[in-house]
Amino acid sequence: MRPVWDRLECPRNTARVCHAGRRRFSSSVLGPHFEQVCRDRALHHADPGSLGGLPSRVVHDPGTRTGHEVDVAVIGVAEPI
């Protein structure tokens, strides 16, 4: 919000500023947070039956999402403890 802070100080501009910044907020804040929730869910909370076993690793690589969008990849099945 820092780039538009001065416009937010005027109450009548709030709705317009929020509407204009919706796309950037979604991609910079909501998207990464949702991806983290998905990774945590897959690694720590998912039913092993839904993944074919316990995951051994959950990966995330935001730097290489050029031709496709993969938010979470669960790789392998963990050895039983």
PDB file of N, CA and C in Angstrom:
ATOM      1  N   MET A   1       0.819  -1.197   0.000  1.00  0.00           N
ATOM      2  CA  MET A   1       0.000   0.000   0.000  1.00  0.00           C
ATOM      3  C   MET A   1       0.865   1.264   0.000  1.00  0.00           C
ATOM      4  N   ARG A   2       2.148   1.098   0.255  1.00  0.00           N
ATOM      5  CA  ARG A   2       3.021   2.260   0.341  1.00  0.00           C
ATOM      6  C   ARG A   2       2.953   3.182  -0.884  1.00  0.00           C
ATOM      7  N   PRO A   3       2.911   2.651  -2.117  1.00  0.00           N
ATOM      8  CA  PRO A   3       2.883   3.555  -3.274  1.00  0.00           C
ATOM      9  C   PRO A   3       1.647   4.445  -3.353  1.00  0.00           C
ATOM     10  N   VAL A   4       0.559   4.043  -2.729  1.00  0.00           N
ATOM     11  CA  VAL A   4      -0.685   4.830  -2.817  1.00  0.00           C
ATOM     12  C   VAL A   4      -1.134   5.356  -1.459  1.00  0.00           C
ATOM     13  N   TRP A   5      -0.244   5.360  -0.505  1.00  0.00           N
ATOM     14  CA  TRP A   5      -0.611   5.761   0.852  1.00  0.00           C
ATOM     15  C   TRP A   5      -1.216   7.162   0.897  1.00  0.00           C
ATOM     16  N   ASP A   6      -0.654   8.086   0.147  1.00  0.00           N
ATOM     17  CA  ASP A   6      -1.169   9.461   0.170  1.00  0.00           C
ATOM     18  C   ASP A   6      -2.613   9.522  -0.327  1.00  0.00           C
ATOM     19  N   ARG A   7      -2.967   8.696  -1.306  1.00  0.00           N
ATOM     20  CA  ARG A   7      -4.346   8.674  -1.801  1.00  0.00           C
ATOM     21  C   ARG A   7      -5.300   8.026  -0.804  1.00  0.00           C
ATOM     22  N   LEU A   8      -4.796   7.109   0.013  1.00  0.00           N
ATOM     23  CA  LEU A   8      -5.643   6.449   1.012  1.00  0.00           C
ATOM     24  C   LEU A   8      -5.963   7.351   2.194  1.00  0.00           C
ATOM     25  N   GLU A   9      -5.190   8.390   2.389  1.00  0.00           N
ATOM     26  CA  GLU A   9      -5.430   9.294   3.516  1.00  0.00           C
ATOM     27  C   GLU A   9      -6.712  10.097   3.346  1.00  0.00           C
ATOM     28  N   CYS A  10      -7.206  10.199   2.152  1.00  0.00           N
ATOM     29  CA  CYS A  10      -8.470  10.879   1.892  1.00  0.00           C
ATOM     30  C   CYS A  10      -9.570   9.824   1.870  1.00  0.00           C
ATOM     31  N   PRO A  11     -10.496   9.855   2.843  1.00  0.00           N
ATOM     32  CA  PRO A  11     -11.508   8.802   2.968  1.00  0.00           C
ATOM     33  C   PRO A  11     -12.334   8.551   1.711  1.00  0.00           C
ATOM     34  N   ARG A  12     -12.602   9.563   0.933  1.00  0.00           N
ATOM     35  CA  ARG A  12     -13.459   9.351  -0.243  1.00  0.00           C
ATOM     36  C   ARG A  12     -12.740   8.597  -1.358  1.00  0.00           C
ATOM     37  N   ASN A  13     -11.402   8.457  -1.273  1.00  0.00           N
ATOM     38  CA  ASN A  13     -10.648   7.736  -2.287  1.00  0.00           C
ATOM     39  C   ASN A  13     -10.486   6.251  -1.971  1.00  0.00           C
ATOM     40  N   THR A  14     -10.822   5.830  -0.780  1.00  0.00           N
ATOM     41  CA  THR A  14     -10.524   4.471  -0.329  1.00  0.00           C
ATOM     42  C   THR A  14     -11.052   3.401  -1.274  1.00  0.00           C
ATOM     43  N   ALA A  15     -12.304   3.467  -1.643  1.00  0.00           N
ATOM     44  CA  ALA A  15     -12.898   2.438  -2.496  1.00  0.00           C
ATOM     45  C   ALA A  15     -12.214   2.389  -3.857  1.00  0.00           C
ATOM     46  N   ARG A  16     -11.941   3.556  -4.443  1.00  0.00           N
ATOM     47  CA  ARG A  16     -11.289   3.585  -5.760  1.00  0.00           C
ATOM     48  C   ARG A  16      -9.873   3.033  -5.692  1.00  0.00           C
ATOM     49  N   VAL A  17      -9.125   3.407  -4.660  1.00  0.00           N
ATOM     50  CA  VAL A  17      -7.751   2.932  -4.516  1.00  0.00           C
ATOM     51  C   VAL A  17      -7.729   1.424  -4.287  1.00  0.00           C
ATOM     52  N   CYS A  18      -8.619   0.935  -3.453  1.00  0.00           N
ATOM     53  CA  CYS A  18      -8.677  -0.509  -3.188  1.00  0.00           C
ATOM     54  C   CYS A  18      -9.054  -1.270  -4.449  1.00  0.00           C
ATOM     55  N   HIS A  19     -10.010  -0.757  -5.202  1.00  0.00           N
ATOM     56  CA  HIS A  19     -10.410  -1.415  -6.446  1.00  0.00           C
ATOM     57  C   HIS A  19      -9.251  -1.432  -7.444  1.00  0.00           C
ATOM     58  N   ALA A  20      -8.547  -0.333  -7.568  1.00  0.00           N
ATOM     59  CA  ALA A  20      -7.434  -0.246  -8.518  1.00  0.00           C
ATOM     60  C   ALA A  20      -6.276  -1.165  -8.120  1.00  0.00           C
ATOM     61  N   GLY A  21      -6.085  -1.402  -6.828  1.00  0.00           N
ATOM     62  CA  GLY A  21      -4.970  -2.227  -6.369  1.00  0.00           C
ATOM     63  C   GLY A  21      -5.320  -3.683  -6.143  1.00  0.00           C
ATOM     64  N   ARG A  22      -6.537  -4.072  -6.476  1.00  0.00           N
ATOM     65  CA  ARG A  22      -7.003  -5.437  -6.218  1.00  0.00           C
ATOM     66  C   ARG A  22      -6.119  -6.484  -6.892  1.00  0.00           C
ATOM     67  N   ARG A  23      -5.768  -6.305  -8.142  1.00  0.00           N
ATOM     68  CA  ARG A  23      -4.969  -7.300  -8.866  1.00  0.00           C
ATOM     69  C   ARG A  23      -3.585  -7.461  -8.231  1.00  0.00           C
ATOM     70  N   ARG A  24      -2.944  -6.344  -7.915  1.00  0.00           N
ATOM     71  CA  ARG A  24      -1.613  -6.426  -7.314  1.00  0.00           C
ATOM     72  C   ARG A  24      -1.674  -7.055  -5.927  1.00  0.00           C
ATOM     73  N   PHE A  25      -2.685  -6.724  -5.137  1.00  0.00           N
ATOM     74  CA  PHE A  25      -2.848  -7.317  -3.809  1.00  0.00           C
ATOM     75  C   PHE A  25      -3.062  -8.821  -3.911  1.00  0.00           C
ATOM     76  N   SER A  26      -3.894  -9.234  -4.866  1.00  0.00           N
ATOM     77  CA  SER A  26      -4.155 -10.670  -5.041  1.00  0.00           C
ATOM     78  C   SER A  26      -2.895 -11.431  -5.419  1.00  0.00           C
ATOM     79  N   SER A  27      -2.127 -10.884  -6.342  1.00  0.00           N
ATOM     80  CA  SER A  27      -0.938 -11.609  -6.797  1.00  0.00           C
ATOM     81  C   SER A  27       0.231 -11.499  -5.829  1.00  0.00           C
ATOM     82  N   SER A  28       0.326 -10.412  -5.097  1.00  0.00           N
ATOM     83  CA  SER A  28       1.477 -10.220  -4.206  1.00  0.00           C
ATOM     84  C   SER A  28       1.234 -10.677  -2.774  1.00  0.00           C
ATOM     85  N   VAL A  29      -0.030 -10.720  -2.347  1.00  0.00           N
ATOM     86  CA  VAL A  29      -0.338 -11.069  -0.961  1.00  0.00           C
ATOM     87  C   VAL A  29      -1.190 -12.335  -0.879  1.00  0.00           C
ATOM     88  N   LEU A  30      -2.361 -12.299  -1.472  1.00  0.00           N
ATOM     89  CA  LEU A  30      -3.271 -13.431  -1.349  1.00  0.00           C
ATOM     90  C   LEU A  30      -2.711 -14.701  -1.993  1.00  0.00           C
ATOM     91  N   GLY A  31      -2.180 -14.586  -3.199  1.00  0.00           N
ATOM     92  CA  GLY A  31      -1.648 -15.754  -3.901  1.00  0.00           C
ATOM     93  C   GLY A  31      -0.541 -16.457  -3.123  1.00  0.00           C
ATOM     94  N   PRO A  32       0.514 -15.746  -2.727  1.00  0.00           N
ATOM     95  CA  PRO A  32       1.579 -16.396  -1.969  1.00  0.00           C
ATOM     96  C   PRO A  32       1.106 -16.972  -0.635  1.00  0.00           C
ATOM     97  N   HIS A  33       0.179 -16.297   0.042  1.00  0.00           N
ATOM     98  CA  HIS A  33      -0.328 -16.822   1.310  1.00  0.00           C
ATOM     99  C   HIS A  33      -1.111 -18.119   1.085  1.00  0.00           C
ATOM    100  N   PHE A  34      -1.960 -18.129   0.064  1.00  0.00           N
ATOM    101  CA  PHE A  34      -2.724 -19.337  -0.245  1.00  0.00           C
ATOM    102  C   PHE A  34      -1.786 -20.493  -0.599  1.00  0.00           C
ATOM    103  N   GLU A  35      -0.745 -20.216  -1.360  1.00  0.00           N
ATOM    104  CA  GLU A  35       0.219 -21.262  -1.722  1.00  0.00           C
ATOM    105  C   GLU A  35       0.889 -21.831  -0.476  1.00  0.00           C
ATOM    106  N   GLN A  36       1.231 -20.974   0.481  1.00  0.00           N
ATOM    107  CA  GLN A  36       1.847 -21.453   1.718  1.00  0.00           C
ATOM    108  C   GLN A  36       0.877 -22.319   2.515  1.00  0.00           C
ATOM    109  N   VAL A  37      -0.382 -21.917   2.564  1.00  0.00           N
ATOM    110  CA  VAL A  37      -1.396 -22.721   3.245  1.00  0.00           C
ATOM    111  C   VAL A  37      -1.495 -24.098   2.584  1.00  0.00           C
ATOM    112  N   CYS A  38      -1.465 -24.145   1.260  1.00  0.00           N
ATOM    113  CA  CYS A  38      -1.527 -25.423   0.536  1.00  0.00           C
ATOM    114  C   CYS A  38      -0.317 -26.297   0.851  1.00  0.00           C
ATOM    115  N   ARG A  39       0.878 -25.703   0.876  1.00  0.00           N
ATOM    116  CA  ARG A  39       2.077 -26.482   1.204  1.00  0.00           C
ATOM    117  C   ARG A  39       1.999 -27.032   2.620  1.00  0.00           C
ATOM    118  N   ASP A  40       1.596 -26.199   3.570  1.00  0.00           N
ATOM    119  CA  ASP A  40       1.472 -26.659   4.960  1.00  0.00           C
ATOM    120  C   ASP A  40       0.437 -27.771   5.082  1.00  0.00           C
ATOM    121  N   ARG A  41      -0.674 -27.608   4.391  1.00  0.00           N
ATOM    122  CA  ARG A  41      -1.732 -28.619   4.432  1.00  0.00           C
ATOM    123  C   ARG A  41      -1.227 -29.943   3.867  1.00  0.00           C
ATOM    124  N   ALA A  42      -0.558 -29.907   2.726  1.00  0.00           N
ATOM    125  CA  ALA A  42      -0.069 -31.133   2.092  1.00  0.00           C
ATOM    126  C   ALA A  42       0.978 -31.823   2.967  1.00  0.00           C
ATOM    127  N   LEU A  43       1.844 -31.065   3.572  1.00  0.00           N
ATOM    128  CA  LEU A  43       2.940 -31.647   4.349  1.00  0.00           C
ATOM    129  C   LEU A  43       2.521 -32.093   5.734  1.00  0.00           C
ATOM    130  N   HIS A  44       1.656 -31.338   6.398  1.00  0.00           N
ATOM    131  CA  HIS A  44       1.374 -31.601   7.808  1.00  0.00           C
ATOM    132  C   HIS A  44      -0.035 -32.094   8.131  1.00  0.00           C
ATOM    133  N   HIS A  45      -1.001 -31.865   7.256  1.00  0.00           N
ATOM    134  CA  HIS A  45      -2.382 -32.129   7.636  1.00  0.00           C
ATOM    135  C   HIS A  45      -3.177 -33.007   6.673  1.00  0.00           C
ATOM    136  N   ALA A  46      -2.684 -33.232   5.479  1.00  0.00           N
ATOM    137  CA  ALA A  46      -3.463 -33.991   4.497  1.00  0.00           C
ATOM    138  C   ALA A  46      -3.588 -35.449   4.911  1.00  0.00           C
ATOM    139  N   ASP A  47      -4.729 -36.026   4.627  1.00  0.00           N
ATOM    140  CA  ASP A  47      -4.952 -37.446   4.879  1.00  0.00           C
ATOM    141  C   ASP A  47      -3.998 -38.235   3.988  1.00  0.00           C
ATOM    142  N   PRO A  48      -3.179 -39.116   4.564  1.00  0.00           N
ATOM    143  CA  PRO A  48      -2.237 -39.891   3.756  1.00  0.00           C
ATOM    144  C   PRO A  48      -2.908 -40.632   2.603  1.00  0.00           C
ATOM    145  N   GLY A  49      -4.173 -41.003   2.776  1.00  0.00           N
ATOM    146  CA  GLY A  49      -4.889 -41.680   1.703  1.00  0.00           C
ATOM    147  C   GLY A  49      -5.097 -40.809   0.480  1.00  0.00           C
ATOM    148  N   SER A  50      -5.225 -39.507   0.670  1.00  0.00           N
ATOM    149  CA  SER A  50      -5.447 -38.621  -0.470  1.00  0.00           C
ATOM    150  C   SER A  50      -4.179 -38.392  -1.277  1.00  0.00           C
ATOM    151  N   LEU A  51      -3.015 -38.639  -0.666  1.00  0.00           N
ATOM    152  CA  LEU A  51      -1.737 -38.454  -1.359  1.00  0.00           C
ATOM    153  C   LEU A  51      -1.060 -39.776  -1.703  1.00  0.00           C
ATOM    154  N   GLY A  52      -1.670 -40.887  -1.321  1.00  0.00           N
ATOM    155  CA  GLY A  52      -1.044 -42.179  -1.552  1.00  0.00           C
ATOM    156  C   GLY A  52       0.008 -42.503  -0.500  1.00  0.00           C
ATOM    157  N   GLY A  53       0.002 -41.811   0.602  1.00  0.00           N
ATOM    158  CA  GLY A  53       0.959 -41.997   1.689  1.00  0.00           C
ATOM    159  C   GLY A  53       1.365 -40.642   2.240  1.00  0.00           C
ATOM    160  N   LEU A  54       2.265 -40.644   3.194  1.00  0.00           N
ATOM    161  CA  LEU A  54       2.767 -39.376   3.740  1.00  0.00           C
ATOM    162  C   LEU A  54       3.773 -38.771   2.775  1.00  0.00           C
ATOM    163  N   PRO A  55       3.711 -37.467   2.542  1.00  0.00           N
ATOM    164  CA  PRO A  55       4.679 -36.854   1.628  1.00  0.00           C
ATOM    165  C   PRO A  55       6.074 -36.822   2.255  1.00  0.00           C
ATOM    166  N   SER A  56       7.073 -37.057   1.427  1.00  0.00           N
ATOM    167  CA  SER A  56       8.434 -36.950   1.926  1.00  0.00           C
ATOM    168  C   SER A  56       8.953 -35.537   1.763  1.00  0.00           C
ATOM    169  N   ARG A  57       8.369 -34.806   0.814  1.00  0.00           N
ATOM    170  CA  ARG A  57       8.840 -33.450   0.560  1.00  0.00           C
ATOM    171  C   ARG A  57       7.747 -32.688  -0.171  1.00  0.00           C
ATOM    172  N   VAL A  58       7.588 -31.431   0.159  1.00  0.00           N
ATOM    173  CA  VAL A  58       6.679 -30.540  -0.562  1.00  0.00           C
ATOM    174  C   VAL A  58       7.534 -29.394  -1.067  1.00  0.00           C
ATOM    175  N   VAL A  59       7.494 -29.163  -2.363  1.00  0.00           N
ATOM    176  CA  VAL A  59       8.375 -28.159  -2.956  1.00  0.00           C
ATOM    177  C   VAL A  59       7.578 -26.983  -3.492  1.00  0.00           C
ATOM    178  N   HIS A  60       8.282 -25.893  -3.636  1.00  0.00           N
ATOM    179  CA  HIS A  60       7.693 -24.658  -4.163  1.00  0.00           C
ATOM    180  C   HIS A  60       8.817 -23.906  -4.847  1.00  0.00           C
ATOM    181  N   ASP A  61       8.609 -23.533  -6.077  1.00  0.00           N
ATOM    182  CA  ASP A  61       9.643 -22.812  -6.813  1.00  0.00           C
ATOM    183  C   ASP A  61       9.017 -21.671  -7.591  1.00  0.00           C
ATOM    184  N   PRO A  62       8.809 -20.519  -6.935  1.00  0.00           N
ATOM    185  CA  PRO A  62       8.128 -19.414  -7.608  1.00  0.00           C
ATOM    186  C   PRO A  62       8.947 -18.813  -8.739  1.00  0.00           C
ATOM    187  N   GLY A  63      10.248 -19.047  -8.767  1.00  0.00           N
ATOM    188  CA  GLY A  63      11.094 -18.433  -9.784  1.00  0.00           C
ATOM    189  C   GLY A  63      10.977 -19.044 -11.164  1.00  0.00           C
ATOM    190  N   THR A  64      10.434 -20.250 -11.278  1.00  0.00           N
ATOM    191  CA  THR A  64      10.398 -20.912 -12.585  1.00  0.00           C
ATOM    192  C   THR A  64       8.992 -21.103 -13.128  1.00  0.00           C
ATOM    193  N   ARG A  65       8.031 -20.352 -12.651  1.00  0.00           N
ATOM    194  CA  ARG A  65       6.645 -20.492 -13.125  1.00  0.00           C
ATOM    195  C   ARG A  65       6.441 -19.697 -14.413  1.00  0.00           C
ATOM    196  N   THR A  66       7.222 -19.955 -15.428  1.00  0.00           N
ATOM    197  CA  THR A  66       7.107 -19.172 -16.649  1.00  0.00           C
ATOM    198  C   THR A  66       6.070 -19.726 -17.616  1.00  0.00           C
ATOM    199  N   GLY A  67       6.102 -21.033 -17.889  1.00  0.00           N
ATOM    200  CA  GLY A  67       5.187 -21.590 -18.858  1.00  0.00           C
ATOM    201  C   GLY A  67       4.024 -22.329 -18.246  1.00  0.00           C
ATOM    202  N   HIS A  68       4.025 -22.482 -16.946  1.00  0.00           N
ATOM    203  CA  HIS A  68       2.967 -23.216 -16.267  1.00  0.00           C
ATOM    204  C   HIS A  68       2.829 -22.695 -14.851  1.00  0.00           C
ATOM    205  N   GLU A  69       1.746 -23.043 -14.213  1.00  0.00           N
ATOM    206  CA  GLU A  69       1.525 -22.602 -12.840  1.00  0.00           C
ATOM    207  C   GLU A  69       1.362 -23.831 -11.959  1.00  0.00           C
ATOM    208  N   VAL A  70       2.374 -24.081 -11.148  1.00  0.00           N
ATOM    209  CA  VAL A  70       2.316 -25.167 -10.177  1.00  0.00           C
ATOM    210  C   VAL A  70       2.581 -24.532  -8.819  1.00  0.00           C
ATOM    211  N   ASP A  71       1.570 -24.521  -7.963  1.00  0.00           N
ATOM    212  CA  ASP A  71       1.726 -23.902  -6.660  1.00  0.00           C
ATOM    213  C   ASP A  71       2.352 -24.847  -5.654  1.00  0.00           C
ATOM    214  N   VAL A  72       2.009 -26.114  -5.731  1.00  0.00           N
ATOM    215  CA  VAL A  72       2.509 -27.099  -4.770  1.00  0.00           C
ATOM    216  C   VAL A  72       2.760 -28.402  -5.507  1.00  0.00           C
ATOM    217  N   ALA A  73       3.882 -29.034  -5.216  1.00  0.00           N
ATOM    218  CA  ALA A  73       4.153 -30.376  -5.740  1.00  0.00           C
ATOM    219  C   ALA A  73       4.576 -31.244  -4.569  1.00  0.00           C
ATOM    220  N   VAL A  74       3.900 -32.364  -4.394  1.00  0.00           N
ATOM    221  CA  VAL A  74       4.244 -33.315  -3.334  1.00  0.00           C
ATOM    222  C   VAL A  74       5.039 -34.425  -4.015  1.00  0.00           C
ATOM    223  N   ILE A  75       6.252 -34.659  -3.519  1.00  0.00           N
ATOM    224  CA  ILE A  75       7.154 -35.610  -4.163  1.00  0.00           C
ATOM    225  C   ILE A  75       7.429 -36.784  -3.249  1.00  0.00           C
ATOM    226  N   GLY A  76       7.196 -37.978  -3.746  1.00  0.00           N
ATOM    227  CA  GLY A  76       7.551 -39.185  -3.022  1.00  0.00           C
ATOM    228  C   GLY A  76       6.647 -39.486  -1.844  1.00  0.00           C
ATOM    229  N   VAL A  77       6.858 -40.648  -1.308  1.00  0.00           N
ATOM    230  CA  VAL A  77       6.132 -41.100  -0.126  1.00  0.00           C
ATOM    231  C   VAL A  77       7.160 -41.352   0.958  1.00  0.00           C
ATOM    232  N   ALA A  78       6.909 -40.798   2.132  1.00  0.00           N
ATOM    233  CA  ALA A  78       7.858 -40.926   3.243  1.00  0.00           C
ATOM    234  C   ALA A  78       7.907 -42.367   3.736  1.00  0.00           C
ATOM    235  N   GLU A  79       9.064 -42.754   4.172  1.00  0.00           N
ATOM    236  CA  GLU A  79       9.220 -44.078   4.789  1.00  0.00           C
ATOM    237  C   GLU A  79       8.461 -44.087   6.113  1.00  0.00           C
ATOM    238  N   PRO A  80       7.847 -45.197   6.472  1.00  0.00           N
ATOM    239  CA  PRO A  80       7.155 -45.290   7.775  1.00  0.00           C
ATOM    240  C   PRO A  80       8.142 -45.075   8.913  1.00  0.00           C
ATOM    241  N   ILE A  81       7.663 -44.463   9.953  1.00  0.00           N
ATOM    242  CA  ILE A  81       8.523 -44.195  11.120  1.00  0.00           C
ATOM    243  C   ILE A  81       8.662 -45.412  11.958  1.00  0.00           C
TER     244      ILE A  81
END
